[in-house]
PDB file of N, CA and C in Angstrom:
ATOM      1  N   MET A   1     239.708 -83.297-177.111  1.00  0.00           N
ATOM      2  CA  MET A   1     240.617 -83.521-176.015  1.00  0.00           C
ATOM      3  C   MET A   1     240.606 -84.554-175.210  1.00  0.00           C
ATOM      4  N   THR A   2     241.660 -85.421-175.004  1.00  0.00           N
ATOM      5  CA  THR A   2     241.648 -86.676-173.829  1.00  0.00           C
ATOM      6  C   THR A   2     242.792 -86.396-173.244  1.00  0.00           C
ATOM      7  N   ALA A   3     242.577 -86.743-171.841  1.00  0.00           N
ATOM      8  CA  ALA A   3     243.336 -86.451-171.125  1.00  0.00           C
ATOM      9  C   ALA A   3     243.208 -87.583-169.750  1.00  0.00           C
ATOM     10  N   ILE A   4     244.646 -88.109-169.264  1.00  0.00           N
ATOM     11  CA  ILE A   4     244.573 -89.550-168.182  1.00  0.00           C
ATOM     12  C   ILE A   4     245.348 -88.979-167.130  1.00  0.00           C
ATOM     13  N   GLU A   5     244.894 -88.807-165.774  1.00  0.00           N
ATOM     14  CA  GLU A   5     245.783 -88.685-164.519  1.00  0.00           C
ATOM     15  C   GLU A   5     245.172 -89.765-163.798  1.00  0.00           C
ATOM     16  N   ARG A   6     246.414 -89.903-162.750  1.00  0.00           N
ATOM     17  CA  ARG A   6     246.122 -90.678-161.330  1.00  0.00           C
ATOM     18  C   ARG A   6     245.456 -90.117-160.575  1.00  0.00           C
ATOM     19  N   PHE A   7     244.253 -90.927-160.107  1.00  0.00           N
ATOM     20  CA  PHE A   7     243.117 -90.103-159.582  1.00  0.00           C
ATOM     21  C   PHE A   7     243.277 -90.715-158.190  1.00  0.00           C
ATOM     22  N   GLY A   8     243.263 -92.118-157.832  1.00  0.00           N
ATOM     23  CA  GLY A   8     243.553 -92.669-156.727  1.00  0.00           C
ATOM     24  C   GLY A   8     244.229 -93.790-156.548  1.00  0.00           C
ATOM     25  N   VAL A   9     244.307 -94.825-155.586  1.00  0.00           N
ATOM     26  CA  VAL A   9     245.017 -95.846-155.110  1.00  0.00           C
ATOM     27  C   VAL A   9     244.072 -96.823-154.924  1.00  0.00           C
ATOM     28  N   LEU A  10     243.514 -98.154-155.025  1.00  0.00           N
ATOM     29  CA  LEU A  10     242.968 -99.100-154.385  1.00  0.00           C
ATOM     30  C   LEU A  10     243.783-100.664-154.333  1.00  0.00           C
ATOM     31  N   ASP A  11     243.933-100.931-153.190  1.00  0.00           N
ATOM     32  CA  ASP A  11     244.793-102.523-153.187  1.00  0.00           C
ATOM     33  C   ASP A  11     245.916-102.117-153.924  1.00  0.00           C
ATOM     34  N   ALA A  12     247.005-101.470-153.794  1.00  0.00           N
ATOM     35  CA  ALA A  12     247.867-101.014-154.642  1.00  0.00           C
ATOM     36  C   ALA A  12     247.771-100.875-156.058  1.00  0.00           C
ATOM     37  N   ALA A  13     246.628-100.795-156.795  1.00  0.00           N
ATOM     38  CA  ALA A  13     246.383-100.630-158.109  1.00  0.00           C
ATOM     39  C   ALA A  13     246.189 -98.984-158.214  1.00  0.00           C
ATOM     40  N   SER A  14     246.446 -98.401-159.401  1.00  0.00           N
ATOM     41  CA  SER A  14     246.485 -96.640-159.684  1.00  0.00           C
ATOM     42  C   SER A  14     245.197 -97.178-160.350  1.00  0.00           C
ATOM     43  N   VAL A  15     244.212 -96.078-159.965  1.00  0.00           N
ATOM     44  CA  VAL A  15     242.972 -95.736-160.213  1.00  0.00           C
ATOM     45  C   VAL A  15     243.103 -94.394-160.973  1.00  0.00           C
ATOM     46  N   GLU A  16     242.660 -94.534-162.378  1.00  0.00           N
ATOM     47  CA  GLU A  16     243.066 -93.402-163.130  1.00  0.00           C
ATOM     48  C   GLU A  16     241.682 -92.300-163.313  1.00  0.00           C
ATOM     49  N   ARG A  17     241.744 -91.488-163.956  1.00  0.00           N
ATOM     50  CA  ARG A  17     240.597 -90.496-164.345  1.00  0.00           C
ATOM     51  C   ARG A  17     240.613 -90.196-165.384  1.00  0.00           C
ATOM     52  N   ILE A  18     240.014 -90.191-166.577  1.00  0.00           N
ATOM     53  CA  ILE A  18     240.139 -89.965-168.044  1.00  0.00           C
ATOM     54  C   ILE A  18     238.803 -88.950-168.420  1.00  0.00           C
ATOM     55  N   THR A  19     239.487 -87.828-168.818  1.00  0.00           N
ATOM     56  CA  THR A  19     238.741 -86.687-169.294  1.00  0.00           C
ATOM     57  C   THR A  19     238.699 -86.659-170.643  1.00  0.00           C
ATOM     58  N   VAL A  20     237.204 -86.407-171.181  1.00  0.00           N
ATOM     59  CA  VAL A  20     237.139 -86.461-172.547  1.00  0.00           C
ATOM     60  C   VAL A  20     236.558 -85.215-172.978  1.00  0.00           C
ATOM     61  N   ALA A  21     236.730 -84.577-173.788  1.00  0.00           N
ATOM     62  CA  ALA A  21     236.149 -83.248-173.798  1.00  0.00           C
ATOM     63  C   ALA A  21     235.854 -83.090-175.688  1.00  0.00           C
ATOM     64  N   ALA A  22     234.879 -82.433-175.610  1.00  0.00           N
ATOM     65  CA  ALA A  22     234.230 -82.167-177.137  1.00  0.00           C
ATOM     66  C   ALA A  22     232.934 -81.407-177.425  1.00  0.00           C
ATOM     67  N   HIS A  23     232.906 -80.633-178.372  1.00  0.00           N
ATOM     68  CA  HIS A  23     231.362 -80.070-178.631  1.00  0.00           C
ATOM     69  C   HIS A  23     230.877 -79.335-177.328  1.00  0.00           C
ATOM     70  N   GLY A  24     231.517 -78.801-176.787  1.00  0.00           N
ATOM     71  CA  GLY A  24     231.220 -77.972-175.394  1.00  0.00           C
ATOM     72  C   GLY A  24     230.873 -79.143-174.109  1.00  0.00           C
ATOM     73  N   LEU A  25     230.953 -80.450-174.211  1.00  0.00           N
ATOM     74  CA  LEU A  25     230.767 -81.187-173.095  1.00  0.00           C
ATOM     75  C   LEU A  25     232.007 -81.967-172.583  1.00  0.00           C
ATOM     76  N   THR A  26     232.236 -81.983-171.268  1.00  0.00           N
ATOM     77  CA  THR A  26     233.712 -82.596-170.878  1.00  0.00           C
ATOM     78  C   THR A  26     232.994 -83.649-169.744  1.00  0.00           C
ATOM     79  N   ALA A  27     233.571 -84.730-170.088  1.00  0.00           N
ATOM     80  CA  ALA A  27     233.215 -85.822-169.134  1.00  0.00           C
ATOM     81  C   ALA A  27     234.639 -86.677-168.701  1.00  0.00           C
ATOM     82  N   ARG A  28     234.309 -87.017-167.229  1.00  0.00           N
ATOM     83  CA  ARG A  28     235.416 -87.275-166.137  1.00  0.00           C
ATOM     84  C   ARG A  28     234.937 -88.859-165.990  1.00  0.00           C
ATOM     85  N   VAL A  29     235.748 -89.666-166.564  1.00  0.00           N
ATOM     86  CA  VAL A  29     235.386 -91.445-165.865  1.00  0.00           C
ATOM     87  C   VAL A  29     236.500 -91.682-165.347  1.00  0.00           C
ATOM     88  N   MET A  30     236.114 -92.776-164.305  1.00  0.00           N
ATOM     89  CA  MET A  30     237.217 -93.174-163.394  1.00  0.00           C
ATOM     90  C   MET A  30     237.452 -94.529-164.001  1.00  0.00           C
ATOM     91  N   THR A  31     238.630 -95.200-163.923  1.00  0.00           N
ATOM     92  CA  THR A  31     238.785 -96.633-164.177  1.00  0.00           C
ATOM     93  C   THR A  31     238.323 -97.674-163.172  1.00  0.00           C
ATOM     94  N   TRP A  32     238.155 -97.075-162.165  1.00  0.00           N
ATOM     95  CA  TRP A  32     237.582 -98.358-161.011  1.00  0.00           C
ATOM     96  C   TRP A  32     235.722 -97.820-161.314  1.00  0.00           C
ATOM     97  N   GLY A  33     235.151 -99.106-161.534  1.00  0.00           N
ATOM     98  CA  GLY A  33     233.671 -99.022-161.859  1.00  0.00           C
ATOM     99  C   GLY A  33     233.427 -98.253-163.199  1.00  0.00           C
ATOM    100  N   ALA A  34     234.108 -97.777-164.026  1.00  0.00           N
ATOM    101  CA  ALA A  34     233.922 -97.031-164.973  1.00  0.00           C
ATOM    102  C   ALA A  34     232.689 -95.911-164.606  1.00  0.00           C
ATOM    103  N   VAL A  35     233.174 -95.188-163.277  1.00  0.00           N
ATOM    104  CA  VAL A  35     232.332 -94.412-162.611  1.00  0.00           C
ATOM    105  C   VAL A  35     232.261 -93.116-163.647  1.00  0.00           C
ATOM    106  N   LEU A  36     231.242 -92.594-164.113  1.00  0.00           N
ATOM    107  CA  LEU A  36     230.883 -91.105-164.731  1.00  0.00           C
ATOM    108  C   LEU A  36     231.154 -90.175-163.134  1.00  0.00           C
ATOM    109  N   GLN A  37     232.317 -89.629-163.078  1.00  0.00           N
ATOM    110  CA  GLN A  37     232.659 -88.830-161.738  1.00  0.00           C
ATOM    111  C   GLN A  37     232.149 -87.517-161.998  1.00  0.00           C
ATOM    112  N   ASP A  38     232.287 -86.990-163.477  1.00  0.00           N
ATOM    113  CA  ASP A  38     232.065 -85.361-163.257  1.00  0.00           C
ATOM    114  C   ASP A  38     231.451 -85.165-165.061  1.00  0.00           C
ATOM    115  N   LEU A  39     230.426 -84.614-165.227  1.00  0.00           N
ATOM    116  CA  LEU A  39     230.055 -84.208-166.557  1.00  0.00           C
ATOM    117  C   LEU A  39     229.772 -82.844-166.420  1.00  0.00           C
ATOM    118  N   ARG A  40     230.189 -81.925-167.584  1.00  0.00           N
ATOM    119  CA  ARG A  40     229.856 -80.359-167.650  1.00  0.00           C
ATOM    120  C   ARG A  40     229.738 -80.267-169.008  1.00  0.00           C
ATOM    121  N   LEU A  41     228.807 -79.164-169.164  1.00  0.00           N
ATOM    122  CA  LEU A  41     228.410 -78.441-170.153  1.00  0.00           C
ATOM    123  C   LEU A  41     228.647 -77.030-170.473  1.00  0.00           C
ATOM    124  N   ASP A  42     229.565 -76.614-171.476  1.00  0.00           N
ATOM    125  CA  ASP A  42     229.704 -75.354-171.381  1.00  0.00           C
ATOM    126  C   ASP A  42     228.939 -74.371-171.418  1.00  0.00           C
ATOM    127  N   GLY A  43     228.930 -73.304-170.461  1.00  0.00           N
ATOM    128  CA  GLY A  43     227.899 -72.248-170.077  1.00  0.00           C
ATOM    129  C   GLY A  43     226.939 -72.284-168.900  1.00  0.00           C
ATOM    130  N   HIS A  44     227.006 -73.789-168.458  1.00  0.00           N
ATOM    131  CA  HIS A  44     226.078 -74.271-167.492  1.00  0.00           C
ATOM    132  C   HIS A  44     227.304 -74.447-166.249  1.00  0.00           C
ATOM    133  N   PRO A  45     226.706 -73.559-165.294  1.00  0.00           N
ATOM    134  CA  PRO A  45     227.888 -73.232-164.125  1.00  0.00           C
ATOM    135  C   PRO A  45     227.945 -74.860-163.300  1.00  0.00           C
ATOM    136  N   GLN A  46     227.004 -75.363-163.275  1.00  0.00           N
ATOM    137  CA  GLN A  46     226.770 -76.966-162.260  1.00  0.00           C
ATOM    138  C   GLN A  46     226.775 -77.704-162.902  1.00  0.00           C
ATOM    139  N   PRO A  47     227.526 -79.171-162.365  1.00  0.00           N
ATOM    140  CA  PRO A  47     228.013 -80.317-163.225  1.00  0.00           C
ATOM    141  C   PRO A  47     226.677 -80.821-163.394  1.00  0.00           C
ATOM    142  N   LEU A  48     226.595 -81.726-164.502  1.00  0.00           N
ATOM    143  CA  LEU A  48     225.283 -82.540-164.903  1.00  0.00           C
ATOM    144  C   LEU A  48     225.109 -83.524-164.195  1.00  0.00           C
ATOM    145  N   VAL A  49     226.232 -84.396-163.377  1.00  0.00           N
ATOM    146  CA  VAL A  49     226.081 -85.504-162.636  1.00  0.00           C
ATOM    147  C   VAL A  49     226.436 -85.275-161.212  1.00  0.00           C
ATOM    148  N   GLN A  50     226.144 -85.996-160.262  1.00  0.00           N
ATOM    149  CA  GLN A  50     226.916 -85.828-158.732  1.00  0.00           C
ATOM    150  C   GLN A  50     228.088 -86.753-158.561  1.00  0.00           C
ATOM    151  N   GLY A  51     229.031 -86.164-158.325  1.00  0.00           N
ATOM    152  CA  GLY A  51     230.449 -86.852-158.060  1.00  0.00           C
ATOM    153  C   GLY A  51     230.971 -86.423-157.019  1.00  0.00           C
ATOM    154  N   ILE A  52     231.920 -87.037-156.764  1.00  0.00           N
ATOM    155  CA  ILE A  52     232.815 -87.094-155.309  1.00  0.00           C
ATOM    156  C   ILE A  52     234.291 -86.284-155.833  1.00  0.00           C
ATOM    157  N   GLU A  53     234.567 -85.191-154.886  1.00  0.00           N
ATOM    158  CA  GLU A  53     235.988 -84.755-155.838  1.00  0.00           C
ATOM    159  C   GLU A  53     237.216 -85.301-155.695  1.00  0.00           C
ATOM    160  N   SER A  54     237.189 -86.379-154.952  1.00  0.00           N
ATOM    161  CA  SER A  54     238.359 -87.289-154.855  1.00  0.00           C
ATOM    162  C   SER A  54     237.886 -88.679-154.905  1.00  0.00           C
ATOM    163  N   PHE A  55     239.012 -89.741-155.215  1.00  0.00           N
ATOM    164  CA  PHE A  55     238.829 -91.214-155.052  1.00  0.00           C
ATOM    165  C   PHE A  55     238.423 -91.681-154.005  1.00  0.00           C
ATOM    166  N   ALA A  56     239.128 -91.319-152.945  1.00  0.00           N
ATOM    167  CA  ALA A  56     238.748 -91.834-151.600  1.00  0.00           C
ATOM    168  C   ALA A  56     237.941 -92.545-150.796  1.00  0.00           C
ATOM    169  N   PRO A  57     236.557 -91.461-151.077  1.00  0.00           N
ATOM    170  CA  PRO A  57     235.529 -91.941-150.700  1.00  0.00           C
ATOM    171  C   PRO A  57     234.888 -92.827-151.031  1.00  0.00           C
ATOM    172  N   TYR A  58     234.794 -93.022-152.644  1.00  0.00           N
ATOM    173  CA  TYR A  58     233.829 -93.864-153.475  1.00  0.00           C
ATOM    174  C   TYR A  58     233.927 -95.440-152.787  1.00  0.00           C
ATOM    175  N   PRO A  59     234.584 -96.147-152.594  1.00  0.00           N
ATOM    176  CA  PRO A  59     234.566 -97.564-152.090  1.00  0.00           C
ATOM    177  C   PRO A  59     233.778 -97.762-150.827  1.00  0.00           C
ATOM    178  N   GLU A  60     233.583 -96.993-150.207  1.00  0.00           N
ATOM    179  CA  GLU A  60     232.970 -97.109-149.013  1.00  0.00           C
ATOM    180  C   GLU A  60     231.816 -96.296-148.764  1.00  0.00           C
ATOM    181  N   LEU A  61     231.761 -95.281-148.905  1.00  0.00           N
ATOM    182  CA  LEU A  61     230.303 -94.441-148.961  1.00  0.00           C
ATOM    183  C   LEU A  61     229.616 -94.148-150.345  1.00  0.00           C
ATOM    184  N   SER A  62     230.038 -94.961-151.502  1.00  0.00           N
ATOM    185  CA  SER A  62     229.370 -94.536-152.653  1.00  0.00           C
ATOM    186  C   SER A  62     229.615 -95.665-153.596  1.00  0.00           C
ATOM    187  N   ALA A  63     229.399 -96.699-153.236  1.00  0.00           N
ATOM    188  CA  ALA A  63     229.926 -98.451-153.717  1.00  0.00           C
ATOM    189  C   ALA A  63     229.409 -97.938-155.056  1.00  0.00           C
ATOM    190  N   HIS A  64     228.128 -97.416-155.398  1.00  0.00           N
ATOM    191  CA  HIS A  64     227.245 -97.716-156.952  1.00  0.00           C
ATOM    192  C   HIS A  64     227.350 -96.425-157.299  1.00  0.00           C
ATOM    193  N   PHE A  65     227.711 -95.300-156.745  1.00  0.00           N
ATOM    194  CA  PHE A  65     227.423 -94.144-157.179  1.00  0.00           C
ATOM    195  C   PHE A  65     228.504 -93.694-158.489  1.00  0.00           C
ATOM    196  N   GLY A  66     227.750 -93.548-159.682  1.00  0.00           N
ATOM    197  CA  GLY A  66     227.660 -93.210-160.972  1.00  0.00           C
ATOM    198  C   GLY A  66     228.632 -94.275-161.429  1.00  0.00           C
ATOM    199  N   ALA A  67     228.567 -95.352-160.908  1.00  0.00           N
ATOM    200  CA  ALA A  67     229.181 -96.664-161.635  1.00  0.00           C
ATOM    201  C   ALA A  67     228.547 -97.300-162.787  1.00  0.00           C
ATOM    202  N   ILE A  68     229.141 -97.900-163.484  1.00  0.00           N
ATOM    203  CA  ILE A  68     228.354 -98.660-164.509  1.00  0.00           C
ATOM    204  C   ILE A  68     227.477 -99.979-164.127  1.00  0.00           C
ATOM    205  N   VAL A  69     226.440-100.424-164.511  1.00  0.00           N
ATOM    206  CA  VAL A  69     225.880-101.089-164.059  1.00  0.00           C
ATOM    207  C   VAL A  69     226.334-102.440-164.013  1.00  0.00           C
ATOM    208  N   GLY A  70     226.783-102.866-165.186  1.00  0.00           N
ATOM    209  CA  GLY A  70     226.941-104.603-165.089  1.00  0.00           C
ATOM    210  C   GLY A  70     226.183-105.270-165.329  1.00  0.00           C
ATOM    211  N   ARG A  71     226.302-106.655-164.760  1.00  0.00           N
ATOM    212  CA  ARG A  71     225.649-107.905-164.881  1.00  0.00           C
ATOM    213  C   ARG A  71     224.593-107.498-164.625  1.00  0.00           C
ATOM    214  N   VAL A  72     223.819-107.056-163.348  1.00  0.00           N
ATOM    215  CA  VAL A  72     222.593-106.719-163.356  1.00  0.00           C
ATOM    216  C   VAL A  72     222.162-105.293-162.771  1.00  0.00           C
ATOM    217  N   ALA A  73     221.085-104.909-163.461  1.00  0.00           N
ATOM    218  CA  ALA A  73     220.787-103.545-163.066  1.00  0.00           C
ATOM    219  C   ALA A  73     220.149-103.053-162.123  1.00  0.00           C
ATOM    220  N   ASN A  74     219.718-104.324-161.317  1.00  0.00           N
ATOM    221  CA  ASN A  74     218.964-104.181-160.062  1.00  0.00           C
ATOM    222  C   ASN A  74     219.344-105.100-158.916  1.00  0.00           C
ATOM    223  N   ARG A  75     218.035-105.710-158.267  1.00  0.00           N
ATOM    224  CA  ARG A  75     218.830-106.647-157.180  1.00  0.00           C
ATOM    225  C   ARG A  75     217.804-108.011-157.687  1.00  0.00           C
ATOM    226  N   ILE A  76     218.506-109.152-157.227  1.00  0.00           N
ATOM    227  CA  ILE A  76     218.266-110.535-157.657  1.00  0.00           C
ATOM    228  C   ILE A  76     217.580-110.963-156.155  1.00  0.00           C
ATOM    229  N   GLY A  77     216.098-110.974-156.069  1.00  0.00           N
ATOM    230  CA  GLY A  77     215.427-111.071-154.767  1.00  0.00           C
ATOM    231  C   GLY A  77     215.682-112.719-154.273  1.00  0.00           C
ATOM    232  N   GLY A  78     216.431-113.088-153.211  1.00  0.00           N
ATOM    233  CA  GLY A  78     216.780-113.812-152.661  1.00  0.00           C
ATOM    234  C   GLY A  78     217.882-114.479-152.926  1.00  0.00           C
ATOM    235  N   ALA A  79     218.651-113.924-153.702  1.00  0.00           N
ATOM    236  CA  ALA A  79     219.852-114.284-154.490  1.00  0.00           C
ATOM    237  C   ALA A  79     219.876-115.859-154.971  1.00  0.00           C
ATOM    238  N   ARG A  80     218.853-115.798-155.575  1.00  0.00           N
ATOM    239  CA  ARG A  80     218.608-117.074-156.309  1.00  0.00           C
ATOM    240  C   ARG A  80     217.937-117.151-158.165  1.00  0.00           C
ATOM    241  N   ALA A  81     218.896-117.380-158.754  1.00  0.00           N
ATOM    242  CA  ALA A  81     218.293-117.418-160.055  1.00  0.00           C
ATOM    243  C   ALA A  81     218.194-118.898-160.850  1.00  0.00           C
ATOM    244  N   PRO A  82     217.217-118.895-161.754  1.00  0.00           N
ATOM    245  CA  PRO A  82     217.483-120.156-162.694  1.00  0.00           C
ATOM    246  C   PRO A  82     218.099-119.712-163.956  1.00  0.00           C
ATOM    247  N   ILE A  83     219.615-120.359-164.036  1.00  0.00           N
ATOM    248  CA  ILE A  83     220.519-120.377-164.924  1.00  0.00           C
ATOM    249  C   ILE A  83     220.651-121.427-165.828  1.00  0.00           C
ATOM    250  N   GLY A  84     220.464-121.936-167.044  1.00  0.00           N
ATOM    251  CA  GLY A  84     220.844-123.070-167.654  1.00  0.00           C
ATOM    252  C   GLY A  84     219.873-124.220-167.215  1.00  0.00           C
ATOM    253  N   GLY A  85     218.775-123.951-166.403  1.00  0.00           N
ATOM    254  CA  GLY A  85     217.966-125.103-166.260  1.00  0.00           C
ATOM    255  C   GLY A  85     218.006-125.494-164.745  1.00  0.00           C
ATOM    256  N   ARG A  86     218.811-124.634-164.070  1.00  0.00           N
ATOM    257  CA  ARG A  86     219.176-125.468-162.566  1.00  0.00           C
ATOM    258  C   ARG A  86     219.148-123.847-161.740  1.00  0.00           C
ATOM    259  N   LEU A  87     218.820-124.146-160.425  1.00  0.00           N
ATOM    260  CA  LEU A  87     218.630-122.892-159.561  1.00  0.00           C
ATOM    261  C   LEU A  87     220.363-122.547-159.230  1.00  0.00           C
ATOM    262  N   CYS A  88     220.499-121.449-159.217  1.00  0.00           N
ATOM    263  CA  CYS A  88     222.089-120.725-158.984  1.00  0.00           C
ATOM    264  C   CYS A  88     221.808-120.002-157.840  1.00  0.00           C
ATOM    265  N   GLU A  89     222.850-120.048-156.795  1.00  0.00           N
ATOM    266  CA  GLU A  89     223.082-119.144-155.237  1.00  0.00           C
ATOM    267  C   GLU A  89     223.784-118.268-155.716  1.00  0.00           C
ATOM    268  N   LEU A  90     223.321-117.110-155.741  1.00  0.00           N
ATOM    269  CA  LEU A  90     224.227-115.864-155.915  1.00  0.00           C
ATOM    270  C   LEU A  90     224.761-115.105-154.790  1.00  0.00           C
ATOM    271  N   ASP A  91     225.562-114.332-155.139  1.00  0.00           N
ATOM    272  CA  ASP A  91     226.314-113.461-154.065  1.00  0.00           C
ATOM    273  C   ASP A  91     225.273-112.183-153.225  1.00  0.00           C
ATOM    274  N   CYS A  92     224.951-112.593-151.763  1.00  0.00           N
ATOM    275  CA  CYS A  92     223.848-111.979-151.076  1.00  0.00           C
ATOM    276  C   CYS A  92     224.796-110.477-150.488  1.00  0.00           C
ATOM    277  N   ASN A  93     224.988-109.429-151.151  1.00  0.00           N
ATOM    278  CA  ASN A  93     225.478-108.673-151.074  1.00  0.00           C
ATOM    279  C   ASN A  93     224.291-107.335-150.690  1.00  0.00           C
ATOM    280  N   PHE A  94     222.669-107.458-150.141  1.00  0.00           N
ATOM    281  CA  PHE A  94     222.211-106.552-150.013  1.00  0.00           C
ATOM    282  C   PHE A  94     221.090-107.085-148.898  1.00  0.00           C
ATOM    283  N   LEU A  95     221.376-106.401-147.595  1.00  0.00           N
ATOM    284  CA  LEU A  95     220.304-107.114-146.918  1.00  0.00           C
ATOM    285  C   LEU A  95     220.408-108.316-146.198  1.00  0.00           C
ATOM    286  N   ASP A  96     221.915-108.998-146.723  1.00  0.00           N
ATOM    287  CA  ASP A  96     222.004-110.373-146.308  1.00  0.00           C
ATOM    288  C   ASP A  96     221.216-111.264-146.851  1.00  0.00           C
ATOM    289  N   ARG A  97     220.368-110.799-147.638  1.00  0.00           N
ATOM    290  CA  ARG A  97     219.493-111.788-148.620  1.00  0.00           C
ATOM    291  C   ARG A  97     219.258-111.534-150.300  1.00  0.00           C
ATOM    292  N   HIS A  98     219.619-110.782-150.497  1.00  0.00           N
ATOM    293  CA  HIS A  98     219.403-110.498-151.842  1.00  0.00           C
ATOM    294  C   HIS A  98     220.870-110.031-152.810  1.00  0.00           C
ATOM    295  N   MET A  99     220.846-110.350-154.056  1.00  0.00           N
ATOM    296  CA  MET A  99     221.943-109.637-154.836  1.00  0.00           C
ATOM    297  C   MET A  99     221.704-108.299-155.341  1.00  0.00           C
ATOM    298  N   LEU A 100     222.481-107.334-155.110  1.00  0.00           N
ATOM    299  CA  LEU A 100     222.251-106.076-155.551  1.00  0.00           C
ATOM    300  C   LEU A 100     223.585-105.557-156.602  1.00  0.00           C
ATOM    301  N   HIS A 101     223.184-105.223-157.886  1.00  0.00           N
ATOM    302  CA  HIS A 101     224.089-104.797-159.011  1.00  0.00           C
ATOM    303  C   HIS A 101     225.565-105.593-159.306  1.00  0.00           C
ATOM    304  N   GLY A 102     224.977-107.058-159.285  1.00  0.00           N
ATOM    305  CA  GLY A 102     226.072-108.268-159.714  1.00  0.00           C
ATOM    306  C   GLY A 102     226.911-108.511-158.555  1.00  0.00           C
ATOM    307  N   GLY A 103     226.597-108.359-157.109  1.00  0.00           N
ATOM    308  CA  GLY A 103     227.112-108.495-155.987  1.00  0.00           C
ATOM    309  C   GLY A 103     228.472-107.942-155.500  1.00  0.00           C
ATOM    310  N   ARG A 104     229.161-108.094-154.602  1.00  0.00           N
ATOM    311  CA  ARG A 104     230.451-107.487-153.970  1.00  0.00           C
ATOM    312  C   ARG A 104     231.432-107.277-155.099  1.00  0.00           C
ATOM    313  N   ASP A 105     231.588-108.167-156.249  1.00  0.00           N
ATOM    314  CA  ASP A 105     232.625-108.217-157.088  1.00  0.00           C
ATOM    315  C   ASP A 105     232.018-107.632-158.487  1.00  0.00           C
ATOM    316  N   GLY A 106     231.041-107.018-158.349  1.00  0.00           N
ATOM    317  CA  GLY A 106     230.320-106.467-159.867  1.00  0.00           C
ATOM    318  C   GLY A 106     231.361-105.738-160.483  1.00  0.00           C
ATOM    319  N   ALA A 107     230.808-105.432-161.641  1.00  0.00           N
ATOM    320  CA  ALA A 107     231.387-104.463-162.900  1.00  0.00           C
ATOM    321  C   ALA A 107     231.755-103.183-162.297  1.00  0.00           C
ATOM    322  N   GLY A 108     230.519-102.442-161.197  1.00  0.00           N
ATOM    323  CA  GLY A 108     230.903-101.529-160.796  1.00  0.00           C
ATOM    324  C   GLY A 108     232.131-101.207-159.752  1.00  0.00           C
ATOM    325  N   ARG A 109     232.757-102.434-159.485  1.00  0.00           N
ATOM    326  CA  ARG A 109     233.784-102.198-158.160  1.00  0.00           C
ATOM    327  C   ARG A 109     234.971-103.121-158.826  1.00  0.00           C
ATOM    328  N   ARG A 110     235.110-102.635-159.883  1.00  0.00           N
ATOM    329  CA  ARG A 110     236.611-103.380-160.598  1.00  0.00           C
ATOM    330  C   ARG A 110     237.108-102.138-161.372  1.00  0.00           C
ATOM    331  N   LEU A 111     238.543-102.273-161.730  1.00  0.00           N
ATOM    332  CA  LEU A 111     239.325-101.961-162.633  1.00  0.00           C
ATOM    333  C   LEU A 111     239.203-101.751-163.755  1.00  0.00           C
ATOM    334  N   TRP A 112     238.967-101.177-164.751  1.00  0.00           N
ATOM    335  CA  TRP A 112     238.549-101.155-166.057  1.00  0.00           C
ATOM    336  C   TRP A 112     239.765-100.739-167.016  1.00  0.00           C
TER     337      TRP A 112
END
């Protein structure tokens, strides 16, 4: 079973939640950040992941909560990295000196 529903709005764009269920497992994934919002196993009363019931709190309270990691799976210290033989300056989005999870516009903050 697959279902798509409107889950929220971000900058006038619709955020959808896709539900996929098979073989006793149900996953709900948002199009914003490819966030795994809910994961359930038949016969197990608690969700298998932590998620928030509505979209509204995600952008500010949970910027990376359940989101796809994207370009960088951690932080790049000093927000600088050698790429193609030259030192590149990256987005300082963590403590004003490091890049975390791909920066302010990383894969976890985009509509998929």
